Amino acid sequence: MGRPGYITVPILSVLAAIGYVYYTTVFLAIPAWLGLSTAAGLANAAVFTALAAACVATYAVAVSRDPGRVPSSFVPDVEDAGSPIHEIKRKSPWRCHLAKQH
């Protein structure tokens, strides 16, 4: 785990994917479909640019902020039959293995 503030491979791959989709849409698809010199093409490019900028901005906030902590008053409901904790216990391969050892 790297120190905070470092750009990691997953972060770069998401930014590369957003950049690839942006480039192919604005510089390849829209000019072939409507042309960037038309009002409709320019409007589509402007809207997609705003959408891509919003994606990058919200991703930057999500990556750079602390996710927070679980409140100290939180206690999972282990009495509930549909609780994921019970499902994990039922499906665990170690349960059968450990039972055979005793």
C-alpha atoms as a PDB file:
ATOM      1  CA  MET A   1       0.000   0.000   0.000  1.00  0.00           C
ATOM      2  CA  GLY A   2       1.488   3.304  -1.089  1.00  0.00           C
ATOM      3  CA  ARG A   3       1.658   6.537   0.782  1.00  0.00           C
ATOM      4  CA  PRO A   4      -1.265   8.949   0.411  1.00  0.00           C
ATOM      5  CA  GLY A   5      -0.899  11.330  -2.494  1.00  0.00           C
ATOM      6  CA  TYR A   6       0.723   8.865  -4.859  1.00  0.00           C
ATOM      7  CA  ILE A   7      -0.853   8.075  -8.199  1.00  0.00           C
ATOM      8  CA  THR A   8      -1.220   4.313  -8.521  1.00  0.00           C
ATOM      9  CA  VAL A   9      -1.794   1.998 -11.477  1.00  0.00           C
ATOM     10  CA  PRO A  10      -5.561   1.614 -10.816  1.00  0.00           C
ATOM     11  CA  ILE A  11      -5.977   5.392 -10.699  1.00  0.00           C
ATOM     12  CA  LEU A  12      -4.015   5.799 -13.928  1.00  0.00           C
ATOM     13  CA  SER A  13      -6.019   3.050 -15.623  1.00  0.00           C
ATOM     14  CA  VAL A  14      -9.342   4.730 -14.765  1.00  0.00           C
ATOM     15  CA  LEU A  15      -8.052   8.087 -16.015  1.00  0.00           C
ATOM     16  CA  ALA A  16      -6.760   6.423 -19.183  1.00  0.00           C
ATOM     17  CA  ALA A  17     -10.154   4.797 -19.770  1.00  0.00           C
ATOM     18  CA  ILE A  18     -11.947   8.124 -19.328  1.00  0.00           C
ATOM     19  CA  GLY A  19      -9.427   9.794 -21.661  1.00  0.00           C
ATOM     20  CA  TYR A  20      -9.835   7.071 -24.284  1.00  0.00           C
ATOM     21  CA  VAL A  21     -13.631   7.296 -24.258  1.00  0.00           C
ATOM     22  CA  TYR A  22     -13.449  11.096 -24.389  1.00  0.00           C
ATOM     23  CA  TYR A  23     -11.003  11.151 -27.291  1.00  0.00           C
ATOM     24  CA  THR A  24     -12.841   8.554 -29.366  1.00  0.00           C
ATOM     25  CA  THR A  25     -16.192  10.252 -28.788  1.00  0.00           C
ATOM     26  CA  VAL A  26     -15.241  13.895 -29.285  1.00  0.00           C
ATOM     27  CA  PHE A  27     -12.557  13.556 -31.957  1.00  0.00           C
ATOM     28  CA  LEU A  28     -13.655  10.451 -33.860  1.00  0.00           C
ATOM     29  CA  ALA A  29     -17.361   9.675 -33.398  1.00  0.00           C
ATOM     30  CA  ILE A  30     -18.925  13.150 -33.264  1.00  0.00           C
ATOM     31  CA  PRO A  31     -17.009  14.521 -36.293  1.00  0.00           C
ATOM     32  CA  ALA A  32     -17.944  11.443 -38.336  1.00  0.00           C
ATOM     33  CA  TRP A  33     -21.568  11.607 -37.201  1.00  0.00           C
ATOM     34  CA  LEU A  34     -22.406  15.332 -37.124  1.00  0.00           C
ATOM     35  CA  GLY A  35     -19.161  17.210 -37.724  1.00  0.00           C
ATOM     36  CA  LEU A  36     -17.622  19.542 -35.177  1.00  0.00           C
ATOM     37  CA  SER A  37     -18.345  22.573 -37.358  1.00  0.00           C
ATOM     38  CA  THR A  38     -22.127  22.136 -37.033  1.00  0.00           C
ATOM     39  CA  ALA A  39     -24.153  23.489 -34.114  1.00  0.00           C
ATOM     40  CA  ALA A  40     -25.378  20.002 -33.185  1.00  0.00           C
ATOM     41  CA  GLY A  41     -21.874  18.545 -33.296  1.00  0.00           C
ATOM     42  CA  LEU A  42     -20.441  21.379 -31.239  1.00  0.00           C
ATOM     43  CA  ALA A  43     -23.279  21.070 -28.696  1.00  0.00           C
ATOM     44  CA  ASN A  44     -22.712  17.317 -28.395  1.00  0.00           C
ATOM     45  CA  ALA A  45     -18.970  17.844 -27.949  1.00  0.00           C
ATOM     46  CA  ALA A  46     -19.578  20.531 -25.305  1.00  0.00           C
ATOM     47  CA  VAL A  47     -22.016  18.354 -23.355  1.00  0.00           C
ATOM     48  CA  PHE A  48     -19.693  15.347 -23.512  1.00  0.00           C
ATOM     49  CA  THR A  49     -16.755  17.519 -22.421  1.00  0.00           C
ATOM     50  CA  ALA A  50     -18.751  18.727 -19.417  1.00  0.00           C
ATOM     51  CA  LEU A  51     -19.717  15.137 -18.595  1.00  0.00           C
ATOM     52  CA  ALA A  52     -16.114  13.939 -18.832  1.00  0.00           C
ATOM     53  CA  ALA A  53     -14.910  16.841 -16.677  1.00  0.00           C
ATOM     54  CA  ALA A  54     -17.561  15.986 -14.061  1.00  0.00           C
ATOM     55  CA  CYS A  55     -16.429  12.339 -14.117  1.00  0.00           C
ATOM     56  CA  VAL A  56     -12.796  13.281 -13.585  1.00  0.00           C
ATOM     57  CA  ALA A  57     -13.665  15.794 -10.852  1.00  0.00           C
ATOM     58  CA  THR A  58     -15.868  13.384  -8.888  1.00  0.00           C
ATOM     59  CA  TYR A  59     -13.313  10.595  -9.301  1.00  0.00           C
ATOM     60  CA  ALA A  60     -10.583  12.886  -7.971  1.00  0.00           C
ATOM     61  CA  VAL A  61     -12.713  13.698  -4.932  1.00  0.00           C
ATOM     62  CA  ALA A  62     -13.513  10.017  -4.339  1.00  0.00           C
ATOM     63  CA  VAL A  63      -9.837   9.027  -4.557  1.00  0.00           C
ATOM     64  CA  SER A  64      -8.479  11.854  -2.427  1.00  0.00           C
ATOM     65  CA  ARG A  65     -10.982  11.912   0.435  1.00  0.00           C
ATOM     66  CA  ASP A  66     -10.954   9.782   3.559  1.00  0.00           C
ATOM     67  CA  PRO A  67     -13.857   7.310   3.422  1.00  0.00           C
ATOM     68  CA  GLY A  68     -14.588   7.807   7.117  1.00  0.00           C
ATOM     69  CA  ARG A  69     -15.058   5.336   9.930  1.00  0.00           C
ATOM     70  CA  VAL A  70     -17.738   2.992  11.143  1.00  0.00           C
ATOM     71  CA  PRO A  71     -19.591   4.655  14.024  1.00  0.00           C
ATOM     72  CA  SER A  72     -18.663   3.209  17.430  1.00  0.00           C
ATOM     73  CA  SER A  73     -22.343   2.643  18.192  1.00  0.00           C
ATOM     74  CA  PHE A  74     -22.806   0.343  15.157  1.00  0.00           C
ATOM     75  CA  VAL A  75     -23.360  -3.329  15.963  1.00  0.00           C
ATOM     76  CA  PRO A  76     -24.313  -5.817  13.227  1.00  0.00           C
ATOM     77  CA  ASP A  77     -27.560  -7.714  13.790  1.00  0.00           C
ATOM     78  CA  VAL A  78     -26.318 -11.288  14.140  1.00  0.00           C
ATOM     79  CA  GLU A  79     -29.760 -12.525  15.200  1.00  0.00           C
ATOM     80  CA  ASP A  80     -31.177 -11.950  11.711  1.00  0.00           C
ATOM     81  CA  ALA A  81     -31.364 -15.248   9.770  1.00  0.00           C
ATOM     82  CA  GLY A  82     -30.693 -13.472   6.462  1.00  0.00           C
ATOM     83  CA  SER A  83     -27.564 -11.802   7.777  1.00  0.00           C
ATOM     84  CA  PRO A  84     -24.498 -12.063   5.517  1.00  0.00           C
ATOM     85  CA  ILE A  85     -22.505 -13.280   8.518  1.00  0.00           C
ATOM     86  CA  HIS A  86     -24.598 -16.466   8.661  1.00  0.00           C
ATOM     87  CA  GLU A  87     -24.214 -16.969   4.909  1.00  0.00           C
ATOM     88  CA  ILE A  88     -20.436 -16.767   5.178  1.00  0.00           C
ATOM     89  CA  LYS A  89     -20.444 -19.318   7.997  1.00  0.00           C
ATOM     90  CA  ARG A  90     -22.648 -21.739   6.029  1.00  0.00           C
ATOM     91  CA  LYS A  91     -20.609 -21.505   2.824  1.00  0.00           C
ATOM     92  CA  SER A  92     -17.166 -21.543   4.387  1.00  0.00           C
ATOM     93  CA  PRO A  93     -15.047 -24.509   3.251  1.00  0.00           C
ATOM     94  CA  TRP A  94     -13.164 -24.308   6.557  1.00  0.00           C
ATOM     95  CA  ARG A  95     -16.278 -25.141   8.528  1.00  0.00           C
ATOM     96  CA  CYS A  96     -16.424 -28.710   7.192  1.00  0.00           C
ATOM     97  CA  HIS A  97     -12.644 -29.097   7.379  1.00  0.00           C
ATOM     98  CA  LEU A  98     -12.456 -27.906  10.982  1.00  0.00           C
ATOM     99  CA  ALA A  99     -15.400 -30.090  12.030  1.00  0.00           C
ATOM    100  CA  LYS A 100     -13.617 -33.210  10.729  1.00  0.00           C
ATOM    101  CA  GLN A 101     -10.481 -32.425  12.720  1.00  0.00           C
ATOM    102  CA  HIS A 102     -12.267 -32.433  16.098  1.00  0.00           C
END
